[in-house]
Amino acid sequence: MLSPARSLTLHAESGKELPRIDAFEPLYNIGCRPRHGEVVMIAGRSGTQKSGLALFWAAQMNLPTLYFSADMSAFTASSRLASMMTGDTTTMVEAGMAAGGRYREEYLAALAHLNITFSFGSPITWKAVDEELEAYVELWDAYPAVMVFDNLMDFDSAESDYTEQMAVMSGLTELSRATGATVIVLHHASDKSWEAKSDPWAPPSRDQVKGGLSEKPELSLSVALDPTSMEFRIAVIKQRMGACDPTAKRYATLRCQPEYTRFAKPEPRISPLPPAAPRQWSPLDALKQ
């Protein structure tokens, strides 16, 4: 049992902000404050770069991370990271790894500094989570600072069972509190709603997240990608310690480069100079003639 003062003293450090990323400045500007020790959900429709965003975020923070990837294969995840670090496309990474030699060495060197450990088992089971955590602690003598679960519906028995999905979210919350880690979990939003058909490139509102599970985490982000402009839109649909918009009408806009698994601030738009006004005739003109 802890008094309020004792609880604040013990957990003040765990509640501080996560390292800020330059590319996420528009998101911070709308009041989003991701913190250590929170459960964070990234929700979006199919094909909206949810996995790419989680991978980019984890790599840019470069905190000790344990990444459970049931949605991406081992090659997809590692080639995306190599692409992100080098600026080569994933196709170039694949060709370079096949060619071997210096190309292979360059890609491996680009990944050497990353503090990410992967687990690619599918489906994700609590037994596997326990075993991976035990192995991680045995290796590093500490819990990971960040754990990513890609994604919620890839947990064993949670493909479509709402009760099981709620149990998984409760388990992730308990895991975050027991280890002090930030837990990032990916989840789907409905592709069949009226909004999904009429405005598919807008971030889904909170009520479109499947199972209503976006209400469980401390922070829930709704994402969407416009494939015509490559604008990546992020709305804060739930934030326990800050502003949010459940309708997702207010969102931050990033620039997405899927072929490099990169995100960036949008480039400032420079308005063209207005045409010069026609010069007025002056009596001095007559003197010049």
C-alpha atoms as a PDB file:
ATOM      1  CA  MET A   1       0.000   0.000   0.000  1.00  0.00           C
ATOM      2  CA  LEU A   2       1.335   3.429  -0.998  1.00  0.00           C
ATOM      3  CA  SER A   3       0.342   6.904   0.081  1.00  0.00           C
ATOM      4  CA  PRO A   4      -0.085   9.470  -2.744  1.00  0.00           C
ATOM      5  CA  ALA A   5       3.216  11.152  -1.820  1.00  0.00           C
ATOM      6  CA  ARG A   6       5.082   7.832  -1.687  1.00  0.00           C
ATOM      7  CA  SER A   7       3.588   6.731  -5.019  1.00  0.00           C
ATOM      8  CA  LEU A   8       4.567  10.014  -6.697  1.00  0.00           C
ATOM      9  CA  THR A   9       8.118   9.739  -5.333  1.00  0.00           C
ATOM     10  CA  LEU A  10       8.557   6.172  -6.557  1.00  0.00           C
ATOM     11  CA  HIS A  11       7.024   6.630 -10.016  1.00  0.00           C
ATOM     12  CA  ALA A  12       7.965  10.188 -10.986  1.00  0.00           C
ATOM     13  CA  GLU A  13      10.749   8.987 -13.288  1.00  0.00           C
ATOM     14  CA  SER A  14       8.604   6.368 -15.006  1.00  0.00           C
ATOM     15  CA  GLY A  15       6.059   9.003 -16.028  1.00  0.00           C
ATOM     16  CA  LYS A  16       8.420  11.349 -17.841  1.00  0.00           C
ATOM     17  CA  GLU A  17       8.081  11.971 -21.569  1.00  0.00           C
ATOM     18  CA  LEU A  18       9.586   9.579 -24.075  1.00  0.00           C
ATOM     19  CA  PRO A  19      12.490  10.986 -26.132  1.00  0.00           C
ATOM     20  CA  ARG A  20      11.158  13.393 -28.709  1.00  0.00           C
ATOM     21  CA  ILE A  21      11.617  12.676 -32.409  1.00  0.00           C
ATOM     22  CA  ASP A  22      12.068  15.530 -34.850  1.00  0.00           C
ATOM     23  CA  ALA A  23       9.693  13.971 -37.399  1.00  0.00           C
ATOM     24  CA  PHE A  24       6.885  13.926 -34.817  1.00  0.00           C
ATOM     25  CA  GLU A  25       6.948  17.678 -34.153  1.00  0.00           C
ATOM     26  CA  PRO A  26       3.474  18.199 -35.716  1.00  0.00           C
ATOM     27  CA  LEU A  27       2.129  15.529 -33.336  1.00  0.00           C
ATOM     28  CA  TYR A  28       3.657  17.211 -30.297  1.00  0.00           C
ATOM     29  CA  ASN A  29       2.229  20.519 -31.505  1.00  0.00           C
ATOM     30  CA  ILE A  30      -1.350  19.230 -31.075  1.00  0.00           C
ATOM     31  CA  GLY A  31      -0.642  18.294 -27.454  1.00  0.00           C
ATOM     32  CA  CYS A  32       0.432  14.640 -27.702  1.00  0.00           C
ATOM     33  CA  ARG A  33       2.830  13.648 -24.906  1.00  0.00           C
ATOM     34  CA  PRO A  34       3.814   9.936 -25.012  1.00  0.00           C
ATOM     35  CA  ARG A  35       5.311   8.914 -21.654  1.00  0.00           C
ATOM     36  CA  HIS A  36       7.445   6.168 -20.180  1.00  0.00           C
ATOM     37  CA  GLY A  37       5.441   3.334 -18.661  1.00  0.00           C
ATOM     38  CA  GLU A  38       2.261   3.975 -20.653  1.00  0.00           C
ATOM     39  CA  VAL A  39       0.265   1.573 -22.768  1.00  0.00           C
ATOM     40  CA  VAL A  40       0.017   3.152 -26.234  1.00  0.00           C
ATOM     41  CA  MET A  41      -2.273   1.936 -29.009  1.00  0.00           C
ATOM     42  CA  ILE A  42      -1.721   2.687 -32.702  1.00  0.00           C
ATOM     43  CA  ALA A  43      -4.976   1.982 -34.543  1.00  0.00           C
ATOM     44  CA  GLY A  44      -5.765   2.247 -38.216  1.00  0.00           C
ATOM     45  CA  ARG A  45      -7.320   0.553 -41.200  1.00  0.00           C
ATOM     46  CA  SER A  46      -5.495  -2.061 -43.252  1.00  0.00           C
ATOM     47  CA  GLY A  47      -2.511  -0.828 -45.248  1.00  0.00           C
ATOM     48  CA  THR A  48      -2.007   2.433 -43.354  1.00  0.00           C
ATOM     49  CA  GLN A  49       1.644   1.873 -42.329  1.00  0.00           C
ATOM     50  CA  LYS A  50       0.892   1.084 -38.670  1.00  0.00           C
ATOM     51  CA  SER A  51       3.816  -1.341 -38.511  1.00  0.00           C
ATOM     52  CA  GLY A  52       6.053   1.115 -40.344  1.00  0.00           C
ATOM     53  CA  LEU A  53       5.242   3.852 -37.840  1.00  0.00           C
ATOM     54  CA  ALA A  54       5.886   1.598 -34.825  1.00  0.00           C
ATOM     55  CA  LEU A  55       9.180   0.386 -36.297  1.00  0.00           C
ATOM     56  CA  PHE A  56      10.281   3.933 -37.167  1.00  0.00           C
ATOM     57  CA  TRP A  57       9.332   5.215 -33.707  1.00  0.00           C
ATOM     58  CA  ALA A  58      11.205   2.429 -31.924  1.00  0.00           C
ATOM     59  CA  ALA A  59      14.295   2.861 -34.106  1.00  0.00           C
ATOM     60  CA  GLN A  60      14.387   6.644 -33.751  1.00  0.00           C
ATOM     61  CA  MET A  61      14.066   6.535 -29.951  1.00  0.00           C
ATOM     62  CA  ASN A  62      16.573   3.651 -29.909  1.00  0.00           C
ATOM     63  CA  LEU A  63      15.680   2.707 -26.344  1.00  0.00           C
ATOM     64  CA  PRO A  64      16.155  -0.944 -25.332  1.00  0.00           C
ATOM     65  CA  THR A  65      13.216  -2.506 -27.172  1.00  0.00           C
ATOM     66  CA  LEU A  66      11.653  -5.948 -27.361  1.00  0.00           C
ATOM     67  CA  TYR A  67       9.557  -6.138 -30.540  1.00  0.00           C
ATOM     68  CA  PHE A  68       6.990  -8.929 -30.973  1.00  0.00           C
ATOM     69  CA  SER A  69       6.304  -9.064 -34.703  1.00  0.00           C
ATOM     70  CA  ALA A  70       3.621 -11.549 -35.660  1.00  0.00           C
ATOM     71  CA  ASP A  71       2.432  -9.384 -38.559  1.00  0.00           C
ATOM     72  CA  MET A  72       5.794  -8.794 -40.292  1.00  0.00           C
ATOM     73  CA  SER A  73       8.206 -11.546 -41.280  1.00  0.00           C
ATOM     74  CA  ALA A  74      11.807 -11.467 -40.072  1.00  0.00           C
ATOM     75  CA  PHE A  75      13.085 -10.370 -43.479  1.00  0.00           C
ATOM     76  CA  THR A  76      10.452  -7.643 -43.881  1.00  0.00           C
ATOM     77  CA  ALA A  77      11.210  -6.121 -40.480  1.00  0.00           C
ATOM     78  CA  SER A  78      14.994  -6.253 -40.836  1.00  0.00           C
ATOM     79  CA  SER A  79      15.014  -4.979 -44.433  1.00  0.00           C
ATOM     80  CA  ARG A  80      12.743  -2.105 -43.427  1.00  0.00           C
ATOM     81  CA  LEU A  81      15.192  -1.137 -40.703  1.00  0.00           C
ATOM     82  CA  ALA A  82      18.135  -1.333 -43.105  1.00  0.00           C
ATOM     83  CA  SER A  83      16.232   0.802 -45.583  1.00  0.00           C
ATOM     84  CA  MET A  84      15.401   3.325 -42.870  1.00  0.00           C
ATOM     85  CA  MET A  85      19.018   3.568 -41.707  1.00  0.00           C
ATOM     86  CA  THR A  86      20.684   3.787 -45.142  1.00  0.00           C
ATOM     87  CA  GLY A  87      18.167   5.567 -47.350  1.00  0.00           C
ATOM     88  CA  ASP A  88      18.132   2.653 -49.828  1.00  0.00           C
ATOM     89  CA  THR A  89      14.807   1.163 -50.810  1.00  0.00           C
ATOM     90  CA  THR A  90      13.839  -2.249 -49.466  1.00  0.00           C
ATOM     91  CA  THR A  91      14.295  -3.613 -53.008  1.00  0.00           C
ATOM     92  CA  MET A  92      17.891  -2.351 -53.014  1.00  0.00           C
ATOM     93  CA  VAL A  93      18.476  -3.891 -49.583  1.00  0.00           C
ATOM     94  CA  GLU A  94      17.204  -7.248 -50.813  1.00  0.00           C
ATOM     95  CA  ALA A  95      19.468  -7.096 -53.868  1.00  0.00           C
ATOM     96  CA  GLY A  96      22.475  -5.986 -51.812  1.00  0.00           C
ATOM     97  CA  MET A  97      22.065  -8.792 -49.268  1.00  0.00           C
ATOM     98  CA  ALA A  98      21.810 -11.307 -52.124  1.00  0.00           C
ATOM     99  CA  ALA A  99      24.950  -9.886 -53.770  1.00  0.00           C
ATOM    100  CA  GLY A 100      26.930 -10.162 -50.526  1.00  0.00           C
ATOM    101  CA  GLY A 101      30.387  -8.607 -50.157  1.00  0.00           C
ATOM    102  CA  ARG A 102      30.635  -4.955 -49.189  1.00  0.00           C
ATOM    103  CA  TYR A 103      26.916  -4.370 -49.748  1.00  0.00           C
ATOM    104  CA  ARG A 104      26.024  -6.943 -47.134  1.00  0.00           C
ATOM    105  CA  GLU A 105      28.623  -5.512 -44.741  1.00  0.00           C
ATOM    106  CA  GLU A 106      27.261  -1.971 -45.159  1.00  0.00           C
ATOM    107  CA  TYR A 107      23.713  -3.023 -44.310  1.00  0.00           C
ATOM    108  CA  LEU A 108      24.799  -5.054 -41.309  1.00  0.00           C
ATOM    109  CA  ALA A 109      26.913  -2.133 -40.064  1.00  0.00           C
ATOM    110  CA  ALA A 110      23.921   0.221 -40.409  1.00  0.00           C
ATOM    111  CA  LEU A 111      21.911  -2.016 -38.074  1.00  0.00           C
ATOM    112  CA  ALA A 112      24.641  -2.635 -35.511  1.00  0.00           C
ATOM    113  CA  HIS A 113      23.806   0.318 -33.226  1.00  0.00           C
ATOM    114  CA  LEU A 114      20.078  -0.395 -32.916  1.00  0.00           C
ATOM    115  CA  ASN A 115      18.804  -1.559 -29.504  1.00  0.00           C
ATOM    116  CA  ILE A 116      15.957  -3.670 -30.891  1.00  0.00           C
ATOM    117  CA  THR A 117      15.446  -7.370 -30.187  1.00  0.00           C
ATOM    118  CA  PHE A 118      12.824  -9.200 -32.259  1.00  0.00           C
ATOM    119  CA  SER A 119      10.511 -12.112 -31.600  1.00  0.00           C
ATOM    120  CA  PHE A 120       8.742 -13.410 -34.713  1.00  0.00           C
ATOM    121  CA  GLY A 121       6.535 -16.149 -33.269  1.00  0.00           C
ATOM    122  CA  SER A 122       2.951 -16.256 -34.536  1.00  0.00           C
ATOM    123  CA  PRO A 123       0.521 -16.255 -32.885  1.00  0.00           C
ATOM    124  CA  ILE A 124       1.832 -14.338 -29.881  1.00  0.00           C
ATOM    125  CA  THR A 125       1.305 -16.343 -26.689  1.00  0.00           C
ATOM    126  CA  TRP A 126       1.791 -15.306 -23.074  1.00  0.00           C
ATOM    127  CA  LYS A 127       4.154 -18.257 -22.667  1.00  0.00           C
ATOM    128  CA  ALA A 128       6.326 -16.865 -25.484  1.00  0.00           C
ATOM    129  CA  VAL A 129       6.205 -13.371 -23.945  1.00  0.00           C
ATOM    130  CA  ASP A 130       7.393 -14.769 -20.594  1.00  0.00           C
ATOM    131  CA  GLU A 131      10.189 -16.745 -22.235  1.00  0.00           C
ATOM    132  CA  GLU A 132      11.383 -13.799 -24.323  1.00  0.00           C
ATOM    133  CA  LEU A 133      11.353 -11.525 -21.270  1.00  0.00           C
ATOM    134  CA  GLU A 134      13.322 -14.067 -19.222  1.00  0.00           C
ATOM    135  CA  ALA A 135      15.891 -14.361 -22.011  1.00  0.00           C
ATOM    136  CA  TYR A 136      16.092 -10.566 -22.358  1.00  0.00           C
ATOM    137  CA  VAL A 137      16.656 -10.061 -18.627  1.00  0.00           C
ATOM    138  CA  GLU A 138      19.221 -12.873 -18.595  1.00  0.00           C
ATOM    139  CA  LEU A 139      21.114 -11.163 -21.413  1.00  0.00           C
ATOM    140  CA  TRP A 140      20.850  -7.512 -20.342  1.00  0.00           C
ATOM    141  CA  ASP A 141      20.052  -7.746 -16.609  1.00  0.00           C
ATOM    142  CA  ALA A 142      17.169  -5.299 -17.086  1.00  0.00           C
ATOM    143  CA  TYR A 143      13.684  -5.137 -18.528  1.00  0.00           C
ATOM    144  CA  PRO A 144      13.285  -3.514 -21.945  1.00  0.00           C
ATOM    145  CA  ALA A 145      12.276   0.144 -21.882  1.00  0.00           C
ATOM    146  CA  VAL A 146       9.829  -0.408 -24.751  1.00  0.00           C
ATOM    147  CA  MET A 147       7.796  -3.443 -25.827  1.00  0.00           C
ATOM    148  CA  VAL A 148       5.950  -3.444 -29.153  1.00  0.00           C
ATOM    149  CA  PHE A 149       3.187  -5.944 -29.991  1.00  0.00           C
ATOM    150  CA  ASP A 150       2.278  -6.147 -33.673  1.00  0.00           C
ATOM    151  CA  ASN A 151      -0.602  -6.697 -33.415  1.00  0.00           C
ATOM    152  CA  LEU A 152      -3.449  -7.259 -30.933  1.00  0.00           C
ATOM    153  CA  MET A 153      -5.378  -9.639 -33.180  1.00  0.00           C
ATOM    154  CA  ASP A 154      -2.272 -11.820 -33.578  1.00  0.00           C
ATOM    155  CA  PHE A 155      -2.419 -12.844 -29.923  1.00  0.00           C
ATOM    156  CA  ASP A 156      -3.464 -16.440 -29.467  1.00  0.00           C
ATOM    157  CA  SER A 157      -7.296 -16.747 -29.538  1.00  0.00           C
ATOM    158  CA  ALA A 158      -7.721 -12.977 -29.983  1.00  0.00           C
ATOM    159  CA  GLU A 159      -8.371 -12.969 -33.740  1.00  0.00           C
ATOM    160  CA  SER A 160     -12.042 -12.092 -33.328  1.00  0.00           C
ATOM    161  CA  ASP A 161     -12.960 -12.794 -29.714  1.00  0.00           C
ATOM    162  CA  TYR A 162     -13.741  -9.514 -27.951  1.00  0.00           C
ATOM    163  CA  THR A 163     -13.451 -11.084 -24.497  1.00  0.00           C
ATOM    164  CA  GLU A 164      -9.997 -12.439 -25.312  1.00  0.00           C
ATOM    165  CA  GLN A 165      -8.897  -9.086 -26.744  1.00  0.00           C
ATOM    166  CA  MET A 166      -9.989  -7.339 -23.543  1.00  0.00           C
ATOM    167  CA  ALA A 167      -8.042  -9.925 -21.552  1.00  0.00           C
ATOM    168  CA  VAL A 168      -4.949  -9.225 -23.680  1.00  0.00           C
ATOM    169  CA  MET A 169      -5.262  -5.478 -23.072  1.00  0.00           C
ATOM    170  CA  SER A 170      -5.558  -6.096 -19.325  1.00  0.00           C
ATOM    171  CA  GLY A 171      -2.492  -8.337 -19.516  1.00  0.00           C
ATOM    172  CA  LEU A 172      -0.504  -5.677 -21.388  1.00  0.00           C
ATOM    173  CA  THR A 173      -1.443  -3.074 -18.790  1.00  0.00           C
ATOM    174  CA  GLU A 174      -0.287  -5.394 -16.015  1.00  0.00           C
ATOM    175  CA  LEU A 175       2.917  -6.120 -17.943  1.00  0.00           C
ATOM    176  CA  SER A 176       3.653  -2.399 -18.340  1.00  0.00           C
ATOM    177  CA  ARG A 177       3.126  -1.715 -14.636  1.00  0.00           C
ATOM    178  CA  ALA A 178       5.179  -4.713 -13.530  1.00  0.00           C
ATOM    179  CA  THR A 179       8.172  -3.920 -15.755  1.00  0.00           C
ATOM    180  CA  GLY A 180       7.926  -0.122 -16.086  1.00  0.00           C
ATOM    181  CA  ALA A 181       8.136  -0.527 -19.876  1.00  0.00           C
ATOM    182  CA  THR A 182       6.235   1.517 -22.426  1.00  0.00           C
ATOM    183  CA  VAL A 183       3.969  -0.939 -24.245  1.00  0.00           C
ATOM    184  CA  ILE A 184       2.967  -0.109 -27.829  1.00  0.00           C
ATOM    185  CA  VAL A 185       0.224  -2.298 -29.277  1.00  0.00           C
ATOM    186  CA  LEU A 186      -1.105  -2.120 -32.839  1.00  0.00           C
ATOM    187  CA  HIS A 187      -4.762  -2.688 -33.630  1.00  0.00           C
ATOM    188  CA  HIS A 188      -7.205  -2.483 -36.530  1.00  0.00           C
ATOM    189  CA  ALA A 189     -10.044  -0.064 -37.211  1.00  0.00           C
ATOM    190  CA  SER A 190     -13.123  -0.980 -39.194  1.00  0.00           C
ATOM    191  CA  ASP A 191     -12.866  -1.043 -42.996  1.00  0.00           C
ATOM    192  CA  LYS A 192     -16.637  -1.466 -43.365  1.00  0.00           C
ATOM    193  CA  SER A 193     -17.998   1.648 -41.669  1.00  0.00           C
ATOM    194  CA  TRP A 194     -19.647   4.450 -43.627  1.00  0.00           C
ATOM    195  CA  GLU A 195     -16.703   6.731 -42.805  1.00  0.00           C
ATOM    196  CA  ALA A 196     -14.212   4.177 -44.136  1.00  0.00           C
ATOM    197  CA  LYS A 197     -15.999   4.188 -47.492  1.00  0.00           C
ATOM    198  CA  SER A 198     -16.764   7.907 -47.767  1.00  0.00           C
ATOM    199  CA  ASP A 199     -13.444   9.266 -46.430  1.00  0.00           C
ATOM    200  CA  PRO A 200     -10.930   6.385 -46.398  1.00  0.00           C
ATOM    201  CA  TRP A 201      -7.860   8.595 -45.951  1.00  0.00           C
ATOM    202  CA  ALA A 202      -9.029  10.263 -42.733  1.00  0.00           C
ATOM    203  CA  PRO A 203      -7.947   8.831 -39.353  1.00  0.00           C
ATOM    204  CA  PRO A 204     -10.696   6.612 -37.887  1.00  0.00           C
ATOM    205  CA  SER A 205     -12.640   8.051 -34.969  1.00  0.00           C
ATOM    206  CA  ARG A 206     -12.513   6.296 -31.603  1.00  0.00           C
ATOM    207  CA  ASP A 207     -15.784   4.459 -32.178  1.00  0.00           C
ATOM    208  CA  GLN A 208     -14.387   2.892 -35.373  1.00  0.00           C
ATOM    209  CA  VAL A 209     -11.566   1.076 -33.564  1.00  0.00           C
ATOM    210  CA  LYS A 210     -12.542  -2.580 -33.448  1.00  0.00           C
ATOM    211  CA  GLY A 211     -14.025  -3.701 -30.152  1.00  0.00           C
ATOM    212  CA  GLY A 212     -13.876  -0.206 -28.651  1.00  0.00           C
ATOM    213  CA  LEU A 213     -10.452  -1.186 -27.299  1.00  0.00           C
ATOM    214  CA  SER A 214      -8.876   2.241 -27.847  1.00  0.00           C
ATOM    215  CA  GLU A 215     -10.436   3.347 -24.543  1.00  0.00           C
ATOM    216  CA  LYS A 216      -8.229   0.981 -22.532  1.00  0.00           C
ATOM    217  CA  PRO A 217      -4.701   2.442 -23.110  1.00  0.00           C
ATOM    218  CA  GLU A 218      -3.434   5.703 -21.627  1.00  0.00           C
ATOM    219  CA  LEU A 219      -2.732   6.966 -25.155  1.00  0.00           C
ATOM    220  CA  SER A 220      -4.488   5.925 -28.383  1.00  0.00           C
ATOM    221  CA  LEU A 221      -3.374   7.195 -31.780  1.00  0.00           C
ATOM    222  CA  SER A 222      -5.491   6.856 -34.916  1.00  0.00           C
ATOM    223  CA  VAL A 223      -3.585   6.833 -38.216  1.00  0.00           C
ATOM    224  CA  ALA A 224      -4.374   7.054 -41.929  1.00  0.00           C
ATOM    225  CA  LEU A 225      -2.349   7.363 -45.139  1.00  0.00           C
ATOM    226  CA  ASP A 226      -3.367   9.290 -48.250  1.00  0.00           C
ATOM    227  CA  PRO A 227      -1.700   7.312 -51.079  1.00  0.00           C
ATOM    228  CA  THR A 228      -2.066  10.171 -53.566  1.00  0.00           C
ATOM    229  CA  SER A 229      -0.140  12.785 -51.572  1.00  0.00           C
ATOM    230  CA  MET A 230       1.669  10.440 -49.134  1.00  0.00           C
ATOM    231  CA  GLU A 231       0.325  12.531 -46.261  1.00  0.00           C
ATOM    232  CA  PHE A 232       0.303  10.512 -43.052  1.00  0.00           C
ATOM    233  CA  ARG A 233      -2.332  11.711 -40.594  1.00  0.00           C
ATOM    234  CA  ILE A 234      -2.261  11.001 -36.849  1.00  0.00           C
ATOM    235  CA  ALA A 235      -5.084  11.885 -34.476  1.00  0.00           C
ATOM    236  CA  VAL A 236      -4.991  11.609 -30.681  1.00  0.00           C
ATOM    237  CA  ILE A 237      -8.295   9.890 -29.910  1.00  0.00           C
ATOM    238  CA  LYS A 238      -7.514   9.109 -26.258  1.00  0.00           C
ATOM    239  CA  GLN A 239      -4.961  10.679 -23.915  1.00  0.00           C
ATOM    240  CA  ARG A 240      -5.333  10.297 -20.204  1.00  0.00           C
ATOM    241  CA  MET A 241      -2.973  13.168 -19.350  1.00  0.00           C
ATOM    242  CA  GLY A 242      -3.693  15.608 -22.142  1.00  0.00           C
ATOM    243  CA  ALA A 243      -5.933  16.852 -24.916  1.00  0.00           C
ATOM    244  CA  CYS A 244      -7.610  14.430 -27.303  1.00  0.00           C
ATOM    245  CA  ASP A 245     -10.282  14.379 -29.997  1.00  0.00           C
ATOM    246  CA  PRO A 246     -12.398  11.202 -30.135  1.00  0.00           C
ATOM    247  CA  THR A 247     -13.778  12.246 -33.528  1.00  0.00           C
ATOM    248  CA  ALA A 248     -10.240  12.310 -35.041  1.00  0.00           C
ATOM    249  CA  LYS A 249     -11.119  15.497 -36.937  1.00  0.00           C
ATOM    250  CA  ARG A 250      -8.084  17.241 -35.482  1.00  0.00           C
ATOM    251  CA  TYR A 251      -4.919  15.527 -36.581  1.00  0.00           C
ATOM    252  CA  ALA A 252      -1.215  16.059 -37.222  1.00  0.00           C
ATOM    253  CA  THR A 253       0.175  15.572 -40.726  1.00  0.00           C
ATOM    254  CA  LEU A 254       3.514  13.926 -41.503  1.00  0.00           C
ATOM    255  CA  ARG A 255       5.136  13.024 -44.805  1.00  0.00           C
ATOM    256  CA  CYS A 256       5.389   9.262 -45.361  1.00  0.00           C
ATOM    257  CA  GLN A 257       7.975   7.435 -47.470  1.00  0.00           C
ATOM    258  CA  PRO A 258       6.874   3.773 -47.356  1.00  0.00           C
ATOM    259  CA  GLU A 259       9.682   2.563 -49.622  1.00  0.00           C
ATOM    260  CA  TYR A 260      12.207   3.785 -47.016  1.00  0.00           C
ATOM    261  CA  THR A 261      10.010   3.245 -43.910  1.00  0.00           C
ATOM    262  CA  ARG A 262      10.560   6.892 -43.043  1.00  0.00           C
ATOM    263  CA  PHE A 263       8.369   9.687 -41.744  1.00  0.00           C
ATOM    264  CA  ALA A 264       9.163  13.397 -41.727  1.00  0.00           C
ATOM    265  CA  LYS A 265       7.675  16.784 -41.015  1.00  0.00           C
ATOM    266  CA  PRO A 266       5.862  18.185 -44.061  1.00  0.00           C
ATOM    267  CA  GLU A 267       7.909  20.684 -45.995  1.00  0.00           C
ATOM    268  CA  PRO A 268       6.750  24.281 -45.474  1.00  0.00           C
ATOM    269  CA  ARG A 269       4.705  25.609 -48.331  1.00  0.00           C
ATOM    270  CA  ILE A 270       6.131  28.809 -49.783  1.00  0.00           C
ATOM    271  CA  SER A 271       3.486  30.971 -51.409  1.00  0.00           C
ATOM    272  CA  PRO A 272       4.550  32.403 -54.774  1.00  0.00           C
ATOM    273  CA  LEU A 273       5.165  36.130 -54.880  1.00  0.00           C
ATOM    274  CA  PRO A 274       2.196  38.077 -56.270  1.00  0.00           C
ATOM    275  CA  PRO A 275       2.739  39.622 -59.712  1.00  0.00           C
ATOM    276  CA  ALA A 276       4.185  43.110 -59.633  1.00  0.00           C
ATOM    277  CA  ALA A 277       1.636  45.897 -60.010  1.00  0.00           C
ATOM    278  CA  PRO A 278       1.933  47.868 -63.272  1.00  0.00           C
ATOM    279  CA  ARG A 279       4.069  50.986 -62.851  1.00  0.00           C
ATOM    280  CA  GLN A 280       2.092  54.226 -62.748  1.00  0.00           C
ATOM    281  CA  TRP A 281       3.002  57.035 -65.143  1.00  0.00           C
ATOM    282  CA  SER A 282       4.792  59.961 -63.534  1.00  0.00           C
ATOM    283  CA  PRO A 283       5.384  63.532 -64.826  1.00  0.00           C
ATOM    284  CA  LEU A 284       9.098  62.778 -64.486  1.00  0.00           C
ATOM    285  CA  ASP A 285       8.705  60.340 -67.370  1.00  0.00           C
ATOM    286  CA  ALA A 286       8.055  63.249 -69.719  1.00  0.00           C
ATOM    287  CA  LEU A 287      11.258  64.943 -68.601  1.00  0.00           C
ATOM    288  CA  LYS A 288      13.240  61.773 -69.331  1.00  0.00           C
ATOM    289  CA  GLN A 289      12.077  61.705 -72.952  1.00  0.00           C
END
